[in-house]
C-alpha atoms as a PDB file:
ATOM      1  CA  MET A   1     -11.038 -45.232  36.045  1.00  0.00           C
ATOM      2  CA  LYS A   2     -14.434 -45.545  34.365  1.00  0.00           C
ATOM      3  CA  HIS A   3     -16.822 -42.639  34.940  1.00  0.00           C
ATOM      4  CA  ASN A   4     -20.420 -43.156  35.932  1.00  0.00           C
ATOM      5  CA  ALA A   5     -22.433 -42.001  32.913  1.00  0.00           C
ATOM      6  CA  TYR A   6     -25.590 -41.592  34.975  1.00  0.00           C
ATOM      7  CA  TRP A   7     -23.785 -39.382  37.492  1.00  0.00           C
ATOM      8  CA  PHE A   8     -22.468 -37.177  34.683  1.00  0.00           C
ATOM      9  CA  ALA A   9     -25.893 -36.917  33.033  1.00  0.00           C
ATOM     10  CA  ALA A  10     -27.407 -35.959  36.355  1.00  0.00           C
ATOM     11  CA  SER A  11     -24.816 -33.181  36.682  1.00  0.00           C
ATOM     12  CA  VAL A  12     -25.835 -31.826  33.291  1.00  0.00           C
ATOM     13  CA  LEU A  13     -29.482 -31.834  34.343  1.00  0.00           C
ATOM     14  CA  VAL A  14     -28.581 -29.800  37.413  1.00  0.00           C
ATOM     15  CA  ALA A  15     -26.840 -27.284  35.151  1.00  0.00           C
ATOM     16  CA  ALA A  16     -29.878 -27.140  32.889  1.00  0.00           C
ATOM     17  CA  THR A  17     -32.059 -26.099  35.762  1.00  0.00           C
ATOM     18  CA  ALA A  18     -29.588 -23.576  37.080  1.00  0.00           C
ATOM     19  CA  ALA A  19     -28.730 -21.906  33.784  1.00  0.00           C
ATOM     20  CA  ALA A  20     -32.277 -21.872  32.427  1.00  0.00           C
ATOM     21  CA  GLN A  21     -31.001 -22.665  28.924  1.00  0.00           C
ATOM     22  CA  ASP A  22     -33.388 -23.513  26.099  1.00  0.00           C
ATOM     23  CA  ASP A  23     -34.152 -27.161  25.463  1.00  0.00           C
ATOM     24  CA  VAL A  24     -32.273 -27.389  22.152  1.00  0.00           C
ATOM     25  CA  THR A  25     -29.069 -25.942  23.625  1.00  0.00           C
ATOM     26  CA  LEU A  26     -29.227 -28.192  26.681  1.00  0.00           C
ATOM     27  CA  ALA A  27     -29.952 -31.318  24.665  1.00  0.00           C
ATOM     28  CA  THR A  28     -27.031 -30.562  22.362  1.00  0.00           C
ATOM     29  CA  ALA A  29     -24.653 -29.875  25.258  1.00  0.00           C
ATOM     30  CA  ARG A  30     -25.763 -33.061  27.017  1.00  0.00           C
ATOM     31  CA  ASP A  31     -25.163 -35.112  23.888  1.00  0.00           C
ATOM     32  CA  ILE A  32     -21.720 -33.612  23.258  1.00  0.00           C
ATOM     33  CA  ALA A  33     -20.729 -34.134  26.899  1.00  0.00           C
ATOM     34  CA  SER A  34     -21.775 -37.779  26.768  1.00  0.00           C
ATOM     35  CA  GLU A  35     -19.716 -38.312  23.610  1.00  0.00           C
ATOM     36  CA  GLY A  36     -16.747 -36.640  25.281  1.00  0.00           C
ATOM     37  CA  LEU A  37     -17.066 -38.847  28.341  1.00  0.00           C
ATOM     38  CA  ARG A  38     -17.149 -42.001  26.207  1.00  0.00           C
ATOM     39  CA  ALA A  39     -14.109 -40.787  24.241  1.00  0.00           C
ATOM     40  CA  TYR A  40     -12.247 -40.176  27.517  1.00  0.00           C
ATOM     41  CA  ASP A  41     -12.990 -43.665  28.827  1.00  0.00           C
ATOM     42  CA  ALA A  42     -11.846 -45.070  25.454  1.00  0.00           C
ATOM     43  CA  GLY A  43      -8.532 -43.184  25.626  1.00  0.00           C
ATOM     44  CA  ARG A  44      -9.337 -40.781  22.768  1.00  0.00           C
ATOM     45  CA  TYR A  45      -8.217 -37.792  24.780  1.00  0.00           C
ATOM     46  CA  GLU A  46      -8.000 -35.235  21.949  1.00  0.00           C
ATOM     47  CA  GLU A  47     -11.639 -35.893  21.058  1.00  0.00           C
ATOM     48  CA  ALA A  48     -12.611 -35.893  24.721  1.00  0.00           C
ATOM     49  CA  ALA A  49     -10.885 -32.547  25.363  1.00  0.00           C
ATOM     50  CA  ASP A  50     -12.625 -30.949  22.393  1.00  0.00           C
ATOM     51  CA  LYS A  51     -16.133 -32.164  23.206  1.00  0.00           C
ATOM     52  CA  LEU A  52     -15.998 -31.748  26.979  1.00  0.00           C
ATOM     53  CA  SER A  53     -14.646 -28.198  26.667  1.00  0.00           C
ATOM     54  CA  ARG A  54     -17.494 -27.333  24.280  1.00  0.00           C
ATOM     55  CA  ALA A  55     -20.066 -28.720  26.723  1.00  0.00           C
ATOM     56  CA  TYR A  56     -18.419 -26.846  29.598  1.00  0.00           C
ATOM     57  CA  GLN A  57     -18.912 -23.527  27.806  1.00  0.00           C
ATOM     58  CA  VAL A  58     -22.669 -24.148  28.114  1.00  0.00           C
ATOM     59  CA  VAL A  59     -22.850 -26.223  31.310  1.00  0.00           C
ATOM     60  CA  LYS A  60     -20.915 -24.373  34.019  1.00  0.00           C
ATOM     61  CA  VAL A  61     -20.957 -26.917  36.881  1.00  0.00           C
ATOM     62  CA  PRO A  62     -18.027 -28.417  38.887  1.00  0.00           C
ATOM     63  CA  THR A  63     -18.422 -31.950  37.522  1.00  0.00           C
ATOM     64  CA  VAL A  64     -18.172 -30.852  33.869  1.00  0.00           C
ATOM     65  CA  ALA A  65     -15.249 -28.564  34.730  1.00  0.00           C
ATOM     66  CA  LEU A  66     -13.435 -31.437  36.473  1.00  0.00           C
ATOM     67  CA  LEU A  67     -13.787 -33.781  33.510  1.00  0.00           C
ATOM     68  CA  THR A  68     -12.726 -31.031  31.073  1.00  0.00           C
ATOM     69  CA  ALA A  69      -9.589 -30.284  33.115  1.00  0.00           C
ATOM     70  CA  ARG A  70      -8.680 -33.963  33.247  1.00  0.00           C
ATOM     71  CA  SER A  71      -8.944 -34.239  29.452  1.00  0.00           C
ATOM     72  CA  PHE A  72      -6.678 -31.170  29.061  1.00  0.00           C
ATOM     73  CA  VAL A  73      -4.060 -32.820  31.254  1.00  0.00           C
ATOM     74  CA  LYS A  74      -4.126 -35.904  29.055  1.00  0.00           C
ATOM     75  CA  VAL A  75      -3.319 -33.899  25.912  1.00  0.00           C
ATOM     76  CA  GLY A  76      -0.568 -31.827  27.550  1.00  0.00           C
ATOM     77  CA  LYS A  77      -2.512 -28.575  27.983  1.00  0.00           C
ATOM     78  CA  LEU A  78      -1.375 -28.229  31.564  1.00  0.00           C
ATOM     79  CA  VAL A  79      -1.750 -24.444  31.875  1.00  0.00           C
ATOM     80  CA  GLU A  80      -5.330 -24.499  30.586  1.00  0.00           C
ATOM     81  CA  ALA A  81      -6.126 -27.509  32.787  1.00  0.00           C
ATOM     82  CA  SER A  82      -4.926 -25.647  35.892  1.00  0.00           C
ATOM     83  CA  GLU A  83      -7.279 -22.769  35.127  1.00  0.00           C
ATOM     84  CA  VAL A  84     -10.316 -25.035  34.606  1.00  0.00           C
ATOM     85  CA  TYR A  85      -9.505 -26.931  37.806  1.00  0.00           C
ATOM     86  CA  LEU A  86      -9.500 -23.581  39.632  1.00  0.00           C
ATOM     87  CA  GLN A  87     -12.818 -22.611  38.077  1.00  0.00           C
ATOM     88  CA  ALA A  88     -14.331 -25.906  39.252  1.00  0.00           C
ATOM     89  CA  THR A  89     -13.451 -25.067  42.845  1.00  0.00           C
ATOM     90  CA  ARG A  90     -15.147 -21.673  42.572  1.00  0.00           C
ATOM     91  CA  LEU A  91     -18.401 -22.678  40.888  1.00  0.00           C
ATOM     92  CA  GLU A  92     -21.531 -22.880  42.996  1.00  0.00           C
ATOM     93  CA  ALA A  93     -22.575 -26.380  44.035  1.00  0.00           C
ATOM     94  CA  LYS A  94     -26.319 -26.617  44.504  1.00  0.00           C
ATOM     95  CA  GLY A  95     -29.430 -28.528  43.569  1.00  0.00           C
ATOM     96  CA  GLU A  96     -30.417 -32.147  43.874  1.00  0.00           C
ATOM     97  CA  PHE A  97     -26.878 -33.396  43.107  1.00  0.00           C
ATOM     98  CA  ARG A  98     -25.074 -30.936  45.335  1.00  0.00           C
ATOM     99  CA  ALA A  99     -23.050 -33.678  47.028  1.00  0.00           C
ATOM    100  CA  GLU A 100     -21.649 -34.832  43.670  1.00  0.00           C
ATOM    101  CA  GLN A 101     -20.771 -31.255  42.760  1.00  0.00           C
ATOM    102  CA  GLU A 102     -18.969 -30.695  46.051  1.00  0.00           C
ATOM    103  CA  LYS A 103     -17.082 -33.951  45.595  1.00  0.00           C
ATOM    104  CA  ALA A 104     -16.014 -32.768  42.113  1.00  0.00           C
ATOM    105  CA  GLN A 105     -14.757 -29.514  43.638  1.00  0.00           C
ATOM    106  CA  GLN A 106     -12.672 -31.354  46.198  1.00  0.00           C
ATOM    107  CA  ASP A 107     -11.162 -33.564  43.496  1.00  0.00           C
ATOM    108  CA  ALA A 108     -10.441 -30.506  41.332  1.00  0.00           C
ATOM    109  CA  GLY A 109      -8.616 -28.755  44.177  1.00  0.00           C
ATOM    110  CA  ARG A 110      -6.500 -31.796  44.968  1.00  0.00           C
ATOM    111  CA  GLU A 111      -5.651 -32.564  41.332  1.00  0.00           C
ATOM    112  CA  ARG A 112      -4.721 -28.947  40.652  1.00  0.00           C
ATOM    113  CA  ALA A 113      -2.317 -28.928  43.584  1.00  0.00           C
ATOM    114  CA  GLU A 114      -0.671 -32.058  42.186  1.00  0.00           C
ATOM    115  CA  LEU A 115      -0.537 -30.552  38.696  1.00  0.00           C
ATOM    116  CA  MET A 116       1.061 -27.174  39.443  1.00  0.00           C
ATOM    117  CA  PRO A 117       4.610 -28.465  40.103  1.00  0.00           C
ATOM    118  CA  ARG A 118       4.510 -30.316  36.775  1.00  0.00           C
ATOM    119  CA  ILE A 119       3.914 -27.151  34.709  1.00  0.00           C
ATOM    120  CA  PRO A 120       7.148 -25.859  33.057  1.00  0.00           C
ATOM    121  CA  LYS A 121       8.158 -22.251  33.448  1.00  0.00           C
ATOM    122  CA  LEU A 122       9.972 -19.927  31.005  1.00  0.00           C
ATOM    123  CA  LEU A 123      11.926 -16.937  32.287  1.00  0.00           C
ATOM    124  CA  VAL A 124      12.214 -14.369  29.464  1.00  0.00           C
ATOM    125  CA  THR A 125      14.668 -11.488  29.770  1.00  0.00           C
ATOM    126  CA  ILE A 126      15.525  -8.648  27.386  1.00  0.00           C
ATOM    127  CA  GLU A 127      19.019  -7.384  26.593  1.00  0.00           C
ATOM    128  CA  GLY A 128      19.961  -4.342  24.549  1.00  0.00           C
ATOM    129  CA  ALA A 129      16.551  -2.707  24.814  1.00  0.00           C
ATOM    130  CA  ASP A 130      14.122  -1.314  27.346  1.00  0.00           C
ATOM    131  CA  PRO A 131      11.600  -4.090  28.139  1.00  0.00           C
ATOM    132  CA  ASN A 132       8.823  -1.494  27.965  1.00  0.00           C
ATOM    133  CA  GLU A 133       9.684  -0.971  24.299  1.00  0.00           C
ATOM    134  CA  VAL A 134       9.535  -4.683  23.414  1.00  0.00           C
ATOM    135  CA  ALA A 135       6.375  -6.692  22.670  1.00  0.00           C
ATOM    136  CA  VAL A 136       6.962 -10.298  23.746  1.00  0.00           C
ATOM    137  CA  ALA A 137       4.825 -13.281  22.767  1.00  0.00           C
ATOM    138  CA  ILE A 138       5.077 -16.994  23.502  1.00  0.00           C
ATOM    139  CA  ASP A 139       3.461 -19.151  20.808  1.00  0.00           C
ATOM    140  CA  GLY A 140       1.667 -16.038  19.553  1.00  0.00           C
ATOM    141  CA  LYS A 141       0.211 -15.097  22.946  1.00  0.00           C
ATOM    142  CA  ASP A 142       1.301 -11.750  24.378  1.00  0.00           C
ATOM    143  CA  VAL A 143       3.265 -11.734  27.621  1.00  0.00           C
ATOM    144  CA  PRO A 144       2.647  -8.663  29.831  1.00  0.00           C
ATOM    145  CA  VAL A 145       5.749  -6.629  30.610  1.00  0.00           C
ATOM    146  CA  ALA A 146       5.117  -7.130  34.317  1.00  0.00           C
ATOM    147  CA  LEU A 147       5.625 -10.903  33.921  1.00  0.00           C
ATOM    148  CA  LEU A 148       8.954 -10.618  32.089  1.00  0.00           C
ATOM    149  CA  GLY A 149      11.692 -11.852  34.378  1.00  0.00           C
ATOM    150  CA  ALA A 150       9.183 -13.470  36.734  1.00  0.00           C
ATOM    151  CA  GLY A 151       8.595 -16.622  34.708  1.00  0.00           C
ATOM    152  CA  SER A 152       5.665 -17.616  32.519  1.00  0.00           C
ATOM    153  CA  LEU A 153       3.830 -20.933  32.856  1.00  0.00           C
ATOM    154  CA  VAL A 154       3.930 -22.855  29.559  1.00  0.00           C
ATOM    155  CA  ASP A 155       2.882 -26.259  28.332  1.00  0.00           C
ATOM    156  CA  PRO A 156       5.629 -28.850  27.846  1.00  0.00           C
ATOM    157  CA  GLY A 157       6.953 -29.166  24.309  1.00  0.00           C
ATOM    158  CA  THR A 158       8.575 -26.830  21.800  1.00  0.00           C
ATOM    159  CA  ARG A 159       7.761 -23.174  22.425  1.00  0.00           C
ATOM    160  CA  ARG A 160       8.468 -20.163  20.205  1.00  0.00           C
ATOM    161  CA  ILE A 161       9.388 -16.876  21.860  1.00  0.00           C
ATOM    162  CA  GLU A 162       9.303 -13.657  19.859  1.00  0.00           C
ATOM    163  CA  GLY A 163      10.295 -10.115  20.783  1.00  0.00           C
ATOM    164  CA  ARG A 164       9.473  -7.143  18.579  1.00  0.00           C
ATOM    165  CA  ARG A 165      10.822  -3.610  18.871  1.00  0.00           C
ATOM    166  CA  GLY A 166       9.898  -1.383  15.954  1.00  0.00           C
ATOM    167  CA  GLN A 167      11.215  -3.134  12.864  1.00  0.00           C
ATOM    168  CA  GLN A 168      13.490  -5.434  14.855  1.00  0.00           C
ATOM    169  CA  VAL A 169      12.239  -8.958  15.534  1.00  0.00           C
ATOM    170  CA  VAL A 170      14.178 -11.459  17.678  1.00  0.00           C
ATOM    171  CA  THR A 171      12.946 -15.049  17.977  1.00  0.00           C
ATOM    172  CA  GLN A 172      14.044 -18.130  19.846  1.00  0.00           C
ATOM    173  CA  GLN A 173      12.717 -21.660  19.934  1.00  0.00           C
ATOM    174  CA  VAL A 174      13.110 -23.829  23.006  1.00  0.00           C
ATOM    175  CA  THR A 175      11.977 -27.315  23.994  1.00  0.00           C
ATOM    176  CA  ILE A 176      10.916 -27.672  27.593  1.00  0.00           C
ATOM    177  CA  ALA A 177       9.721 -30.689  29.603  1.00  0.00           C
ATOM    178  CA  GLU A 178       7.414 -31.073  32.600  1.00  0.00           C
ATOM    179  CA  ARG A 179       8.758 -29.603  35.847  1.00  0.00           C
ATOM    180  CA  GLU A 180      11.570 -27.871  33.921  1.00  0.00           C
ATOM    181  CA  ARG A 181      12.594 -24.250  34.369  1.00  0.00           C
ATOM    182  CA  LYS A 182      14.379 -22.495  31.517  1.00  0.00           C
ATOM    183  CA  ALA A 183      15.677 -18.974  30.953  1.00  0.00           C
ATOM    184  CA  VAL A 184      15.526 -17.354  27.516  1.00  0.00           C
ATOM    185  CA  THR A 185      17.259 -14.105  26.614  1.00  0.00           C
ATOM    186  CA  LEU A 186      16.160 -11.972  23.670  1.00  0.00           C
ATOM    187  CA  ARG A 187      19.105  -9.832  22.605  1.00  0.00           C
ATOM    188  CA  PHE A 188      18.520  -6.666  20.599  1.00  0.00           C
ATOM    189  CA  GLY A 189      21.132  -4.681  18.751  1.00  0.00           C
ATOM    190  CA  ALA A 190      21.191  -0.950  18.238  1.00  0.00           C
ATOM    191  CA  GLU A 191      18.398   0.248  16.014  1.00  0.00           C
ATOM    192  CA  PRO A 192      19.704   1.399  12.626  1.00  0.00           C
ATOM    193  CA  ALA A 193      19.745   5.169  12.473  1.00  0.00           C
ATOM    194  CA  ALA A 194      17.646   6.710   9.754  1.00  0.00           C
ATOM    195  CA  PRO A 195      19.899   8.292   7.069  1.00  0.00           C
ATOM    196  CA  VAL A 196      20.031  12.072   7.322  1.00  0.00           C
ATOM    197  CA  ALA A 197      20.197  13.782   3.946  1.00  0.00           C
ATOM    198  CA  SER A 198      22.646  16.656   3.679  1.00  0.00           C
ATOM    199  CA  PRO A 199      21.425  19.895   2.071  1.00  0.00           C
ATOM    200  CA  ALA A 200      23.351  18.949  -1.068  1.00  0.00           C
ATOM    201  CA  MET A 201      21.678  15.548  -1.182  1.00  0.00           C
ATOM    202  CA  GLN A 202      18.135  16.731  -0.559  1.00  0.00           C
ATOM    203  CA  GLY A 203      16.068  16.253  -3.670  1.00  0.00           C
ATOM    204  CA  ALA A 204      18.790  14.151  -5.328  1.00  0.00           C
ATOM    205  CA  ALA A 205      17.856  10.918  -7.054  1.00  0.00           C
ATOM    206  CA  PRO A 206      18.631   7.699  -5.114  1.00  0.00           C
ATOM    207  CA  PRO A 207      21.843   5.873  -6.056  1.00  0.00           C
ATOM    208  CA  PRO A 208      21.511   3.050  -8.601  1.00  0.00           C
ATOM    209  CA  PRO A 209      21.407  -0.530  -7.266  1.00  0.00           C
ATOM    210  CA  ALA A 210      24.588  -2.558  -7.079  1.00  0.00           C
ATOM    211  CA  GLY A 211      25.757  -3.721 -10.487  1.00  0.00           C
ATOM    212  CA  ALA A 212      23.578  -1.243 -12.348  1.00  0.00           C
ATOM    213  CA  THR A 213      25.025   1.326 -14.745  1.00  0.00           C
ATOM    214  CA  ALA A 214      24.193   4.857 -13.758  1.00  0.00           C
ATOM    215  CA  PRO A 215      22.532   6.861 -16.545  1.00  0.00           C
ATOM    216  CA  PRO A 216      24.569   9.758 -17.951  1.00  0.00           C
ATOM    217  CA  PRO A 217      23.804  13.145 -16.443  1.00  0.00           C
ATOM    218  CA  PRO A 218      21.349  15.209 -18.483  1.00  0.00           C
ATOM    219  CA  ALA A 219      22.929  17.816 -20.733  1.00  0.00           C
ATOM    220  CA  ALA A 220      22.353  21.417 -19.854  1.00  0.00           C
ATOM    221  CA  ALA A 221      19.626  22.867 -22.044  1.00  0.00           C
ATOM    222  CA  ASP A 222      20.217  25.988 -24.084  1.00  0.00           C
ATOM    223  CA  ALA A 223      17.699  28.777 -24.109  1.00  0.00           C
ATOM    224  CA  ASP A 224      16.506  27.154 -27.347  1.00  0.00           C
ATOM    225  CA  THR A 225      15.964  23.800 -25.462  1.00  0.00           C
ATOM    226  CA  THR A 226      18.072  22.071 -28.185  1.00  0.00           C
ATOM    227  CA  PRO A 227      21.889  21.972 -28.251  1.00  0.00           C
ATOM    228  CA  ASP A 228      22.320  23.368 -31.805  1.00  0.00           C
ATOM    229  CA  GLY A 229      19.219  25.536 -32.238  1.00  0.00           C
ATOM    230  CA  SER A 230      17.873  23.251 -34.954  1.00  0.00           C
ATOM    231  CA  MET A 231      14.311  23.742 -33.758  1.00  0.00           C
ATOM    232  CA  GLN A 232      14.650  27.515 -33.963  1.00  0.00           C
ATOM    233  CA  ARG A 233      15.993  27.291 -37.491  1.00  0.00           C
ATOM    234  CA  THR A 234      13.119  25.014 -38.451  1.00  0.00           C
ATOM    235  CA  PHE A 235      10.623  27.626 -37.293  1.00  0.00           C
ATOM    236  CA  GLY A 236      12.669  30.270 -39.124  1.00  0.00           C
ATOM    237  CA  TRP A 237      12.372  28.427 -42.446  1.00  0.00           C
ATOM    238  CA  VAL A 238       8.670  27.948 -41.871  1.00  0.00           C
ATOM    239  CA  GLY A 239       8.286  31.684 -41.264  1.00  0.00           C
ATOM    240  CA  ILE A 240      10.164  32.525 -44.452  1.00  0.00           C
ATOM    241  CA  GLY A 241       8.045  30.051 -46.395  1.00  0.00           C
ATOM    242  CA  VAL A 242       4.835  31.608 -45.081  1.00  0.00           C
ATOM    243  CA  GLY A 243       6.217  35.083 -45.727  1.00  0.00           C
ATOM    244  CA  GLY A 244       7.202  34.230 -49.288  1.00  0.00           C
ATOM    245  CA  ALA A 245       3.792  32.736 -50.002  1.00  0.00           C
ATOM    246  CA  GLY A 246       2.071  35.848 -48.559  1.00  0.00           C
ATOM    247  CA  ILE A 247       4.178  38.213 -50.651  1.00  0.00           C
ATOM    248  CA  LEU A 248       3.574  36.162 -53.781  1.00  0.00           C
ATOM    249  CA  PHE A 249      -0.151  36.095 -53.116  1.00  0.00           C
ATOM    250  CA  GLY A 250      -0.204  39.831 -52.465  1.00  0.00           C
ATOM    251  CA  THR A 251       1.711  40.471 -55.706  1.00  0.00           C
ATOM    252  CA  VAL A 252      -0.646  38.366 -57.814  1.00  0.00           C
ATOM    253  CA  THR A 253      -3.800  39.896 -56.369  1.00  0.00           C
ATOM    254  CA  GLY A 254      -2.248  43.343 -56.627  1.00  0.00           C
ATOM    255  CA  LEU A 255      -1.573  42.853 -60.318  1.00  0.00           C
ATOM    256  CA  MET A 256      -5.168  41.677 -60.806  1.00  0.00           C
ATOM    257  CA  ALA A 257      -6.417  44.819 -59.034  1.00  0.00           C
ATOM    258  CA  VAL A 258      -4.257  47.020 -61.267  1.00  0.00           C
ATOM    259  CA  SER A 259      -5.665  45.257 -64.348  1.00  0.00           C
ATOM    260  CA  ASN A 260      -9.242  45.817 -63.133  1.00  0.00           C
ATOM    261  CA  ARG A 261      -8.500  49.484 -62.492  1.00  0.00           C
ATOM    262  CA  SER A 262      -7.141  49.895 -66.005  1.00  0.00           C
ATOM    263  CA  ASP A 263     -10.333  48.390 -67.444  1.00  0.00           C
ATOM    264  CA  LEU A 264     -12.481  50.732 -65.360  1.00  0.00           C
ATOM    265  CA  ASP A 265     -10.491  53.764 -66.475  1.00  0.00           C
ATOM    266  CA  ALA A 266     -10.791  52.698 -70.105  1.00  0.00           C
ATOM    267  CA  ASN A 267     -14.573  52.446 -69.764  1.00  0.00           C
ATOM    268  CA  GLY A 268     -14.966  56.011 -68.488  1.00  0.00           C
ATOM    269  CA  CYS A 269     -14.758  55.452 -64.740  1.00  0.00           C
ATOM    270  CA  VAL A 270     -12.885  58.433 -63.326  1.00  0.00           C
ATOM    271  CA  ASP A 271     -11.925  58.482 -59.608  1.00  0.00           C
ATOM    272  CA  SER A 272     -15.096  57.404 -57.781  1.00  0.00           C
ATOM    273  CA  GLY A 273     -17.437  58.360 -60.561  1.00  0.00           C
ATOM    274  CA  CYS A 274     -18.504  55.204 -62.383  1.00  0.00           C
ATOM    275  CA  TYR A 275     -21.567  54.050 -64.222  1.00  0.00           C
ATOM    276  CA  LEU A 276     -24.159  51.897 -62.440  1.00  0.00           C
ATOM    277  CA  ASP A 277     -23.501  48.920 -64.669  1.00  0.00           C
ATOM    278  CA  GLN A 278     -19.836  48.998 -63.506  1.00  0.00           C
ATOM    279  CA  LYS A 279     -20.688  48.354 -59.829  1.00  0.00           C
ATOM    280  CA  ASP A 280     -19.621  44.673 -59.893  1.00  0.00           C
ATOM    281  CA  ASP A 281     -16.280  45.601 -61.490  1.00  0.00           C
ATOM    282  CA  VAL A 282     -15.720  48.285 -58.839  1.00  0.00           C
ATOM    283  CA  ASP A 283     -16.502  45.824 -56.042  1.00  0.00           C
ATOM    284  CA  SER A 284     -14.121  43.237 -57.524  1.00  0.00           C
ATOM    285  CA  TYR A 285     -11.387  45.856 -57.767  1.00  0.00           C
ATOM    286  CA  ASN A 286     -11.818  46.942 -54.163  1.00  0.00           C
ATOM    287  CA  ALA A 287     -11.817  43.312 -52.920  1.00  0.00           C
ATOM    288  CA  LEU A 288      -8.627  42.436 -54.810  1.00  0.00           C
ATOM    289  CA  ARG A 289      -6.938  45.564 -53.503  1.00  0.00           C
ATOM    290  CA  THR A 290      -7.800  44.636 -49.892  1.00  0.00           C
ATOM    291  CA  ILE A 291      -6.721  41.014 -50.303  1.00  0.00           C
ATOM    292  CA  SER A 292      -3.450  42.091 -51.883  1.00  0.00           C
ATOM    293  CA  THR A 293      -2.734  44.393 -48.937  1.00  0.00           C
ATOM    294  CA  VAL A 294      -3.436  41.593 -46.431  1.00  0.00           C
ATOM    295  CA  GLY A 295      -1.219  39.226 -48.389  1.00  0.00           C
ATOM    296  CA  PHE A 296       1.665  41.683 -48.356  1.00  0.00           C
ATOM    297  CA  VAL A 297       1.286  42.309 -44.600  1.00  0.00           C
ATOM    298  CA  ILE A 298       1.271  38.583 -43.792  1.00  0.00           C
ATOM    299  CA  GLY A 299       4.154  37.999 -46.166  1.00  0.00           C
ATOM    300  CA  PHE A 300       6.400  40.691 -44.750  1.00  0.00           C
ATOM    301  CA  VAL A 301       5.616  39.783 -41.113  1.00  0.00           C
ATOM    302  CA  GLY A 302       6.204  36.068 -41.692  1.00  0.00           C
ATOM    303  CA  ALA A 303       9.374  36.660 -43.647  1.00  0.00           C
ATOM    304  CA  ALA A 304      10.708  39.079 -41.068  1.00  0.00           C
ATOM    305  CA  ALA A 305      10.004  36.618 -38.228  1.00  0.00           C
ATOM    306  CA  GLY A 306      11.629  33.777 -40.130  1.00  0.00           C
ATOM    307  CA  VAL A 307      14.734  35.793 -40.965  1.00  0.00           C
ATOM    308  CA  THR A 308      15.030  36.895 -37.328  1.00  0.00           C
ATOM    309  CA  LEU A 309      14.823  33.303 -36.071  1.00  0.00           C
ATOM    310  CA  LEU A 310      17.465  32.150 -38.556  1.00  0.00           C
ATOM    311  CA  LEU A 311      19.860  34.988 -37.763  1.00  0.00           C
ATOM    312  CA  THR A 312      19.599  34.488 -33.978  1.00  0.00           C
ATOM    313  CA  ALA A 313      19.721  30.654 -33.948  1.00  0.00           C
ATOM    314  CA  PRO A 314      22.937  29.309 -32.314  1.00  0.00           C
ATOM    315  CA  GLU A 315      25.162  27.531 -34.778  1.00  0.00           C
ATOM    316  CA  SER A 316      26.542  24.038 -34.116  1.00  0.00           C
ATOM    317  CA  PRO A 317      30.365  24.067 -34.168  1.00  0.00           C
ATOM    318  CA  SER A 318      30.361  21.227 -36.678  1.00  0.00           C
ATOM    319  CA  SER A 319      27.448  22.339 -38.804  1.00  0.00           C
ATOM    320  CA  GLY A 320      29.530  24.300 -41.367  1.00  0.00           C
ATOM    321  CA  VAL A 321      26.508  26.442 -42.228  1.00  0.00           C
ATOM    322  CA  GLU A 322      26.851  30.112 -43.161  1.00  0.00           C
ATOM    323  CA  THR A 323      23.693  32.096 -43.935  1.00  0.00           C
ATOM    324  CA  HIS A 324      22.528  35.631 -44.511  1.00  0.00           C
ATOM    325  CA  ALA A 325      18.943  36.755 -44.996  1.00  0.00           C
ATOM    326  CA  TRP A 326      17.585  39.288 -47.445  1.00  0.00           C
ATOM    327  CA  LEU A 327      14.246  40.996 -47.628  1.00  0.00           C
ATOM    328  CA  GLY A 328      13.014  43.137 -50.483  1.00  0.00           C
ATOM    329  CA  LEU A 329       9.875  44.551 -51.996  1.00  0.00           C
ATOM    330  CA  GLY A 330       7.794  41.598 -53.117  1.00  0.00           C
ATOM    331  CA  SER A 331      10.427  39.053 -52.165  1.00  0.00           C
ATOM    332  CA  ALA A 332      12.381  37.624 -49.203  1.00  0.00           C
ATOM    333  CA  GLY A 333      14.865  34.813 -48.660  1.00  0.00           C
ATOM    334  CA  VAL A 334      18.030  33.464 -47.109  1.00  0.00           C
ATOM    335  CA  ALA A 335      21.297  32.871 -48.916  1.00  0.00           C
ATOM    336  CA  GLY A 336      24.387  31.141 -47.663  1.00  0.00           C
ATOM    337  CA  ARG A 337      26.783  28.232 -47.859  1.00  0.00           C
ATOM    338  CA  PHE A 338      25.577  24.845 -46.521  1.00  0.00           C
END
């Protein structure tokens, strides 16, 4: 059936007056609606459905709603068509073309009544779970819990039903034709229980993946943090080296101080009574004496610490090392069999 283009344009003009839209919006909607009507008459129903539905969003009158619903029926969008048909019957018919609007409403009511039995229905039920805990969607559109088990109107074709409970997702795909009624059951299994760690397992490292070689358990650390005390012995040798150097330095500077004192005594300096021209020699003597004392203190402390570390270091069973330390006036060291 060819549509009267003038009648449709007149309907749009009625909508323009009623909706008080701006001129640009109305002109655009009128142009899109005209293109949609021509596409419908030419059998290009996908294009007609797209353009007429766009015009209907701006021009809310029964005639535009009727033509939009008819284009939806042609492309298999039966559920959406039924809703637009219903809207057409509820819109207000008024203005100069009121008779045409009322006629469109009557046609919409009749065509909707003929369409409803053609719309397929899916009955979705849930097994193994409380329906209130499951989110159900058909083709990505949520289905209210109240409608589960009552049947949902769907368009003919292949439909995808999905149920989600926590991490569990159950899906089914079903092909349904016009006037067909189908039941779909989403079956859920028991939710996997979360593993409960025993007190002995708490804080333990996770098991290695299948096929992987578990790393060897870490060796228990000695108080020295090394199995054979090698680090402690290293520090012990360093201490003895520092101690020996300090004692040697103290000995050398001490001998220099003794030499300076002998020179002072030979030049008539007795106790603290010295000539004025001997002041620099006296100062040099006093400085060497102080430095020698410091050297001996550092030497003996370092040597003593080093010897202590060596004597208390744990021996490796296979090291074959036997040592003994000695400390004397002006010298220190460690002797043994290596």
